[in-house]
Amino acid sequence: MRILHVLPSFGLGGLGTLALSFVRALTEDSHAAIAPKYAGTSPELQGEFPCTTSEILRPVLDHVEYVRVLTNEIIKLGAFDSAIIYNFYDHVWSAIALKRAGIRNVLCHVGTVIAPEPATKMLTSPHTNEVTFVPASEAIRQKLKAYGAKNVGPTIWNGVDLSLFSKRTNGGSPIKVGFVGRMAPGAKDFPFLINGWGQMSAAVRKLAVLQLVGDGPLRGEYEKLADAFVEFLGQRSAEGVREFLAGLDIFVMAALPIEGMSIALVEAIATGLPIIATDVPSNREVLVGNGVLVETPARLAEALGKLILEPESRALYENRSRDYRNRFSIGACVAKYRELLA
């Protein structure tokens, strides 16, 4: 089977990491990738993706031209049996191009809890009648159904290669608390995390350090909110993120309600970290006894203080994450996608 992966960019964000995991697991198939939305700011995926790649810039607000250019680019890459679209809000235009290029079996990975508009119009477009939407969580599945999507596949949680997350290097002083995410408007809630951190007593904060991996247009704003016990480490490669997670003692998943299924959260579970997460539908679905859900910055400060001061509490959640990690195997995820692709 020849599979085309339609990505928003060739950067190794959550979607790029997921696509790369698929390609590495689906070794019996051949693959190509195309990123028609915008140029990737991180080149890692182009260097690692073992397939033909093509990247074109999206003509601003000109969907007709976008479809025409994308169709031609797909045809240049050759014939495909199936395709996976990784960027939900462009799926209509991508689906039109894919059908014009002769690809009939199209899956659309939906990894974000979608808002009513423009999702309702896009989901009910006749151009997506033959697209199978694959939700990454039950919360997303419920939204797809409520908004009128005709073809909703089974919920398939995002997976990772668990063998890459087998070593922990944490321990010692100070206690390291961390989070990974893009510092831009979207699904991540850095202000919630930084404010919760600031509500802990100074005595507790002196025992720990909050380390933030990621970059983006809001970084300067977040740095102004933070105190001396917060470190901004900037962007990391996929390997760098794994090394960062291995060195942590506690992971905090600060997400807004639109968060679907965070790859960073899955990677933290795969690492065997104790986790504190905002109480939003996706986090609630993933953390079942292996983490603490919090509703307010004050509650976050309380939960953080407990884990920082109590090694036995950290050990309890570490053991639960390790017991739970097999549910997020990329093998299980890919096997379900393979059934839909076939």
Protein backbone atom coordinates (compact mmCIF):
# COMPACT_ATOMS: atom_id res chain seq x y z
CA MET A 1 0.00 0.00 0.00
CA ARG A 2 1.23 3.51 -0.79
CA ILE A 3 0.17 6.13 1.75
CA LEU A 4 0.30 9.93 1.47
CA HIS A 5 0.66 11.94 4.68
CA VAL A 6 -0.76 15.48 4.42
CA LEU A 7 0.85 17.59 7.16
CA PRO A 8 0.55 21.26 8.15
CA SER A 9 4.36 21.54 8.13
CA PHE A 10 7.52 19.46 8.27
CA GLY A 11 8.30 20.62 11.79
CA LEU A 12 8.50 18.01 14.54
CA GLY A 13 5.55 19.20 16.58
CA GLY A 14 2.94 16.78 17.85
CA LEU A 15 1.52 16.02 14.40
CA GLY A 16 4.92 15.62 12.78
CA THR A 17 6.00 13.27 15.56
CA LEU A 18 2.82 11.21 15.12
CA ALA A 19 3.28 10.95 11.35
CA LEU A 20 6.91 9.93 11.75
CA SER A 21 5.87 7.23 14.23
CA PHE A 22 3.33 5.91 11.72
CA VAL A 23 5.90 5.71 8.94
CA ARG A 24 8.43 3.91 11.14
CA ALA A 25 5.79 1.41 12.27
CA LEU A 26 4.17 0.80 8.85
CA THR A 27 7.34 -0.61 7.33
CA GLU A 28 5.48 -2.90 4.93
CA ASP A 29 4.02 0.14 3.16
CA SER A 30 5.63 2.93 1.13
CA HIS A 31 5.05 6.56 2.05
CA ALA A 32 5.21 10.13 0.85
CA ALA A 33 4.54 13.36 2.72
CA ILE A 34 3.35 16.76 1.62
CA ALA A 35 3.00 19.92 3.70
CA PRO A 36 0.81 22.36 1.77
CA LYS A 37 -0.06 24.81 4.53
CA TYR A 38 3.14 26.65 5.40
CA ALA A 39 6.87 26.19 5.54
CA GLY A 40 8.04 24.28 8.58
CA THR A 41 10.18 26.22 11.03
CA SER A 42 11.90 23.03 12.18
CA PRO A 43 13.66 20.89 9.56
CA GLU A 44 13.94 17.69 11.62
CA LEU A 45 11.07 15.88 9.93
CA GLN A 46 12.47 16.41 6.44
CA GLY A 47 15.74 14.87 7.59
CA GLU A 48 14.16 11.83 9.25
CA PHE A 49 11.08 11.11 7.16
CA PRO A 50 12.06 8.12 4.96
CA CYS A 51 9.99 9.14 1.97
CA THR A 52 9.55 11.67 -0.79
CA THR A 53 8.59 15.10 0.53
CA SER A 54 7.05 18.16 -1.08
CA GLU A 55 6.30 21.48 0.58
CA ILE A 56 4.28 24.31 -0.96
CA LEU A 57 3.07 27.59 0.49
CA ARG A 58 -0.65 28.02 0.86
CA PRO A 59 -2.06 30.92 -1.20
CA VAL A 60 -3.65 33.19 1.39
CA LEU A 61 -7.47 33.10 1.34
CA ASP A 62 -7.52 31.59 -2.16
CA HIS A 63 -8.89 28.11 -1.68
CA VAL A 64 -9.44 27.51 -5.38
CA GLU A 65 -5.77 28.12 -6.13
CA TYR A 66 -4.76 26.09 -3.08
CA VAL A 67 -6.72 23.06 -4.31
CA ARG A 68 -5.30 23.41 -7.83
CA VAL A 69 -1.68 23.63 -6.67
CA LEU A 70 -2.07 20.86 -4.10
CA THR A 71 -3.72 18.54 -6.66
CA ASN A 72 -0.83 19.05 -9.09
CA GLU A 73 1.76 18.47 -6.36
CA ILE A 74 0.09 15.22 -5.30
CA ILE A 75 -0.04 13.96 -8.88
CA LYS A 76 3.70 14.67 -9.22
CA LEU A 77 4.36 12.38 -6.24
CA GLY A 78 2.61 9.47 -8.00
CA ALA A 79 -0.36 7.22 -7.34
CA PHE A 80 -1.54 6.47 -3.78
CA ASP A 81 -3.93 3.96 -2.28
CA SER A 82 -4.77 5.98 0.84
CA ALA A 83 -4.05 9.26 2.59
CA ILE A 84 -4.03 10.63 6.13
CA ILE A 85 -4.76 14.32 6.71
CA TYR A 86 -3.24 15.59 9.98
CA ASN A 87 -4.55 19.14 10.01
CA PHE A 88 -8.29 19.22 10.68
CA TYR A 89 -9.17 22.81 9.79
CA ASP A 90 -7.76 22.48 6.29
CA HIS A 91 -9.25 19.07 5.68
CA VAL A 92 -11.98 20.22 3.27
CA TRP A 93 -9.56 21.73 0.77
CA SER A 94 -7.09 18.89 1.17
CA ALA A 95 -9.86 16.33 0.67
CA ILE A 96 -10.94 17.97 -2.62
CA ALA A 97 -7.36 17.87 -3.90
CA LEU A 98 -6.89 14.25 -2.79
CA LYS A 99 -10.03 13.13 -4.62
CA ARG A 100 -9.05 15.04 -7.76
CA ALA A 101 -5.68 13.28 -7.62
CA GLY A 102 -7.48 9.93 -7.55
CA ILE A 103 -7.10 9.00 -3.85
CA ARG A 104 -10.39 7.63 -2.55
CA ASN A 105 -9.58 6.25 0.89
CA VAL A 106 -8.94 9.36 3.01
CA LEU A 107 -8.61 9.49 6.80
CA CYS A 108 -8.53 12.74 8.76
CA HIS A 109 -6.83 12.64 12.15
CA VAL A 110 -8.68 15.01 14.53
CA GLY A 111 -6.53 15.81 17.54
CA THR A 112 -8.25 18.93 18.90
CA VAL A 113 -11.63 19.42 20.57
CA ILE A 114 -13.19 21.49 17.83
CA ALA A 115 -15.25 24.66 18.23
CA PRO A 116 -18.75 24.88 16.64
CA GLU A 117 -17.75 27.36 13.94
CA PRO A 118 -16.44 26.90 11.33
CA ALA A 119 -16.34 23.19 12.16
CA THR A 120 -20.05 22.53 11.60
CA LYS A 121 -19.95 23.90 8.05
CA MET A 122 -16.72 22.11 7.24
CA LEU A 123 -17.85 18.77 8.65
CA THR A 124 -21.06 18.77 6.66
CA SER A 125 -19.47 19.85 3.38
CA PRO A 126 -20.31 17.39 0.57
CA HIS A 127 -16.61 17.35 -0.29
CA THR A 128 -15.90 15.44 2.93
CA ASN A 129 -18.69 12.87 2.67
CA GLU A 130 -16.14 10.18 1.87
CA VAL A 131 -13.57 11.26 4.46
CA THR A 132 -13.35 9.12 7.61
CA PHE A 133 -12.68 11.29 10.66
CA VAL A 134 -10.53 9.56 13.27
CA PRO A 135 -10.86 11.20 16.72
CA ALA A 136 -7.91 11.01 19.12
CA SER A 137 -10.19 11.03 22.18
CA GLU A 138 -13.79 10.36 23.12
CA ALA A 139 -14.27 14.08 23.80
CA ILE A 140 -13.39 14.79 20.16
CA ARG A 141 -15.60 11.96 18.95
CA GLN A 142 -18.60 13.40 20.77
CA LYS A 143 -18.01 16.83 19.20
CA LEU A 144 -17.71 15.34 15.70
CA LYS A 145 -21.01 13.53 16.13
CA ALA A 146 -22.73 16.58 17.61
CA TYR A 147 -21.62 18.78 14.71
CA GLY A 148 -22.95 16.42 12.05
CA ALA A 149 -19.91 14.57 10.72
CA LYS A 150 -21.16 11.69 8.56
CA ASN A 151 -18.23 9.27 8.80
CA VAL A 152 -16.68 9.08 12.26
CA GLY A 153 -14.27 6.22 12.80
CA PRO A 154 -13.29 4.65 16.11
CA THR A 155 -11.46 6.64 18.77
CA ILE A 156 -7.74 5.93 18.43
CA TRP A 157 -5.49 7.39 21.10
CA ASN A 158 -2.21 8.88 19.92
CA GLY A 159 0.71 6.55 20.48
CA VAL A 160 4.49 6.75 20.82
CA ASP A 161 7.40 4.35 20.47
CA LEU A 162 7.65 3.25 24.08
CA SER A 163 11.16 1.88 23.61
CA LEU A 164 12.45 5.45 23.25
CA PHE A 165 11.21 6.38 26.73
CA SER A 166 12.74 3.67 28.89
CA LYS A 167 15.39 5.57 30.86
CA ARG A 168 15.02 8.04 33.74
CA THR A 169 17.89 10.27 34.82
CA ASN A 170 16.05 12.38 37.37
CA GLY A 171 16.77 12.61 41.08
CA GLY A 172 18.65 14.92 43.35
CA SER A 173 18.11 18.58 44.09
CA PRO A 174 16.35 20.74 43.10
CA ILE A 175 13.14 18.88 42.21
CA LYS A 176 12.55 19.43 38.51
CA VAL A 177 9.03 20.27 37.34
CA GLY A 178 8.46 20.64 33.60
CA PHE A 179 6.13 21.20 30.68
CA VAL A 180 6.50 21.04 26.89
CA GLY A 181 4.42 23.12 24.48
CA ARG A 182 4.33 25.81 21.84
CA MET A 183 4.14 29.31 23.32
CA ALA A 184 1.41 30.63 21.05
CA PRO A 185 -2.37 31.06 21.14
CA GLY A 186 -3.87 27.59 21.10
CA ALA A 187 -4.44 24.64 23.36
CA LYS A 188 -1.69 25.22 25.95
CA ASP A 189 -2.26 27.28 29.11
CA PHE A 190 1.14 28.57 30.23
CA PRO A 191 -0.36 31.43 32.34
CA PHE A 192 -2.32 28.85 34.39
CA LEU A 193 0.91 26.95 35.08
CA ILE A 194 3.04 30.00 35.87
CA ASN A 195 0.36 31.51 38.12
CA GLY A 196 -0.09 28.23 39.98
CA TRP A 197 3.66 27.98 40.45
CA GLY A 198 3.74 31.50 41.86
CA GLN A 199 1.04 30.67 44.42
CA MET A 200 3.25 28.11 46.14
CA SER A 201 5.14 29.35 49.17
CA ALA A 202 8.63 30.72 48.55
CA ALA A 203 10.02 27.99 50.81
CA VAL A 204 8.59 25.24 48.58
CA ARG A 205 9.64 26.98 45.35
CA LYS A 206 13.23 27.09 46.62
CA LEU A 207 13.22 23.28 46.66
CA ALA A 208 12.30 23.04 42.99
CA VAL A 209 12.65 24.59 39.55
CA LEU A 210 10.00 24.91 36.82
CA GLN A 211 11.49 24.22 33.38
CA LEU A 212 9.56 25.07 30.22
CA VAL A 213 10.49 23.66 26.81
CA GLY A 214 9.12 25.36 23.72
CA ASP A 215 9.08 28.69 21.96
CA GLY A 216 6.69 30.98 20.14
CA PRO A 217 5.34 34.52 19.87
CA LEU A 218 4.07 34.62 23.47
CA ARG A 219 7.33 33.62 25.11
CA GLY A 220 8.22 37.20 26.07
CA GLU A 221 4.82 37.66 27.71
CA TYR A 222 5.21 34.44 29.69
CA GLU A 223 8.72 35.38 30.82
CA LYS A 224 7.30 38.56 32.37
CA LEU A 225 4.87 36.44 34.43
CA ALA A 226 7.56 34.12 35.78
CA ASP A 227 9.85 34.40 38.78
CA ALA A 228 13.49 33.41 39.27
CA PHE A 229 12.57 29.76 39.80
CA VAL A 230 11.24 29.36 36.24
CA GLU A 231 13.63 28.45 33.42
CA PHE A 232 12.78 28.89 29.72
CA LEU A 233 14.81 26.31 27.83
CA GLY A 234 13.66 27.09 24.29
CA GLN A 235 12.91 24.69 21.47
CA ARG A 236 14.25 21.12 21.60
CA SER A 237 14.52 18.35 19.02
CA ALA A 238 12.49 15.17 19.51
CA GLU A 239 15.52 13.51 21.12
CA GLY A 240 16.06 16.63 23.24
CA VAL A 241 12.47 16.48 24.50
CA ARG A 242 12.94 12.84 25.50
CA GLU A 243 16.12 13.74 27.39
CA PHE A 244 14.30 16.62 29.07
CA LEU A 245 11.43 14.39 30.19
CA ALA A 246 13.84 11.74 31.49
CA GLY A 247 15.43 14.35 33.75
CA LEU A 248 12.18 15.57 35.32
CA ASP A 249 10.61 14.63 38.65
CA ILE A 250 7.10 15.97 37.88
CA PHE A 251 5.31 16.82 34.63
CA VAL A 252 2.52 19.41 34.48
CA MET A 253 0.10 19.28 31.54
CA ALA A 254 -1.40 22.78 31.36
CA ALA A 255 -4.07 22.58 28.68
CA LEU A 256 -7.13 24.57 27.66
CA PRO A 257 -10.48 22.78 27.07
CA ILE A 258 -9.83 22.56 23.31
CA GLU A 259 -6.85 20.24 23.89
CA GLY A 260 -7.52 16.91 22.24
CA MET A 261 -4.83 14.31 22.87
CA SER A 262 -1.47 15.86 23.66
CA ILE A 263 1.58 13.97 22.39
CA ALA A 264 3.59 15.67 25.17
CA LEU A 265 1.25 14.18 27.78
CA VAL A 266 1.52 10.73 26.19
CA GLU A 267 5.32 11.05 26.19
CA ALA A 268 5.28 12.00 29.88
CA ILE A 269 3.25 8.88 30.66
CA ALA A 270 5.61 6.77 28.55
CA THR A 271 8.53 8.21 30.56
CA GLY A 272 6.84 7.11 33.79
CA LEU A 273 6.45 10.58 35.28
CA PRO A 274 4.03 11.66 38.02
CA ILE A 275 1.63 14.07 36.31
CA ILE A 276 -0.52 17.02 37.30
CA ALA A 277 -2.93 18.22 34.61
CA THR A 278 -5.66 20.79 34.12
CA ASP A 279 -9.12 19.27 34.46
CA VAL A 280 -10.23 19.37 30.81
CA PRO A 281 -12.00 16.53 28.93
CA SER A 282 -8.96 15.07 27.17
CA ASN A 283 -6.74 15.05 30.28
CA ARG A 284 -9.59 13.57 32.30
CA GLU A 285 -9.88 10.75 29.78
CA VAL A 286 -6.17 9.90 29.79
CA LEU A 287 -5.35 10.29 33.49
CA VAL A 288 -7.19 7.53 35.31
CA GLY A 289 -5.47 7.13 38.66
CA ASN A 290 -2.02 7.96 37.29
CA GLY A 291 -2.20 11.72 37.76
CA VAL A 292 -3.81 14.63 39.61
CA LEU A 293 -6.43 16.81 37.89
CA VAL A 294 -6.68 20.45 39.00
CA GLU A 295 -9.28 23.13 38.23
CA THR A 296 -7.56 26.32 39.43
CA PRO A 297 -4.03 27.73 39.84
CA ALA A 298 -4.53 27.51 43.62
CA ARG A 299 -5.31 23.81 43.35
CA LEU A 300 -2.26 23.37 41.12
CA ALA A 301 -0.08 25.04 43.75
CA GLU A 302 -1.46 22.67 46.39
CA ALA A 303 -0.89 19.56 44.25
CA LEU A 304 2.61 20.67 43.24
CA GLY A 305 3.57 21.38 46.83
CA LYS A 306 2.47 17.92 47.90
CA LEU A 307 4.47 16.15 45.19
CA ILE A 308 7.55 18.32 45.74
CA LEU A 309 7.55 17.65 49.50
CA GLU A 310 6.50 13.98 49.45
CA PRO A 311 8.78 11.53 47.59
CA GLU A 312 6.38 8.70 48.39
CA SER A 313 3.57 10.49 46.52
CA ARG A 314 5.80 10.97 43.49
CA ALA A 315 6.74 7.28 43.60
CA LEU A 316 3.05 6.27 43.71
CA TYR A 317 2.21 8.20 40.52
CA GLU A 318 5.42 7.09 38.81
CA ASN A 319 4.42 3.46 39.32
CA ARG A 320 0.91 4.12 38.01
CA SER A 321 2.24 5.84 34.88
CA ARG A 322 4.59 2.93 34.21
CA ASP A 323 1.67 0.49 34.61
CA TYR A 324 -0.47 2.59 32.27
CA ARG A 325 2.07 3.32 29.51
CA ASN A 326 1.33 0.27 27.32
CA ARG A 327 -2.05 1.76 26.41
CA PHE A 328 -0.18 4.35 24.37
CA SER A 329 1.99 2.03 22.31
CA ILE A 330 2.41 3.24 18.73
CA GLY A 331 1.95 -0.38 17.68
CA ALA A 332 -1.60 -0.47 19.01
CA CYS A 333 -2.36 2.92 17.45
CA VAL A 334 -0.95 1.98 14.05
CA ALA A 335 -2.71 -1.39 13.95
CA LYS A 336 -6.07 0.37 14.22
CA TYR A 337 -5.13 2.92 11.55
CA ARG A 338 -3.91 0.11 9.30
CA GLU A 339 -7.37 -1.50 9.40
CA LEU A 340 -8.97 1.78 8.29
CA LEU A 341 -6.34 2.39 5.60
CA ALA A 342 -6.91 -1.07 4.12
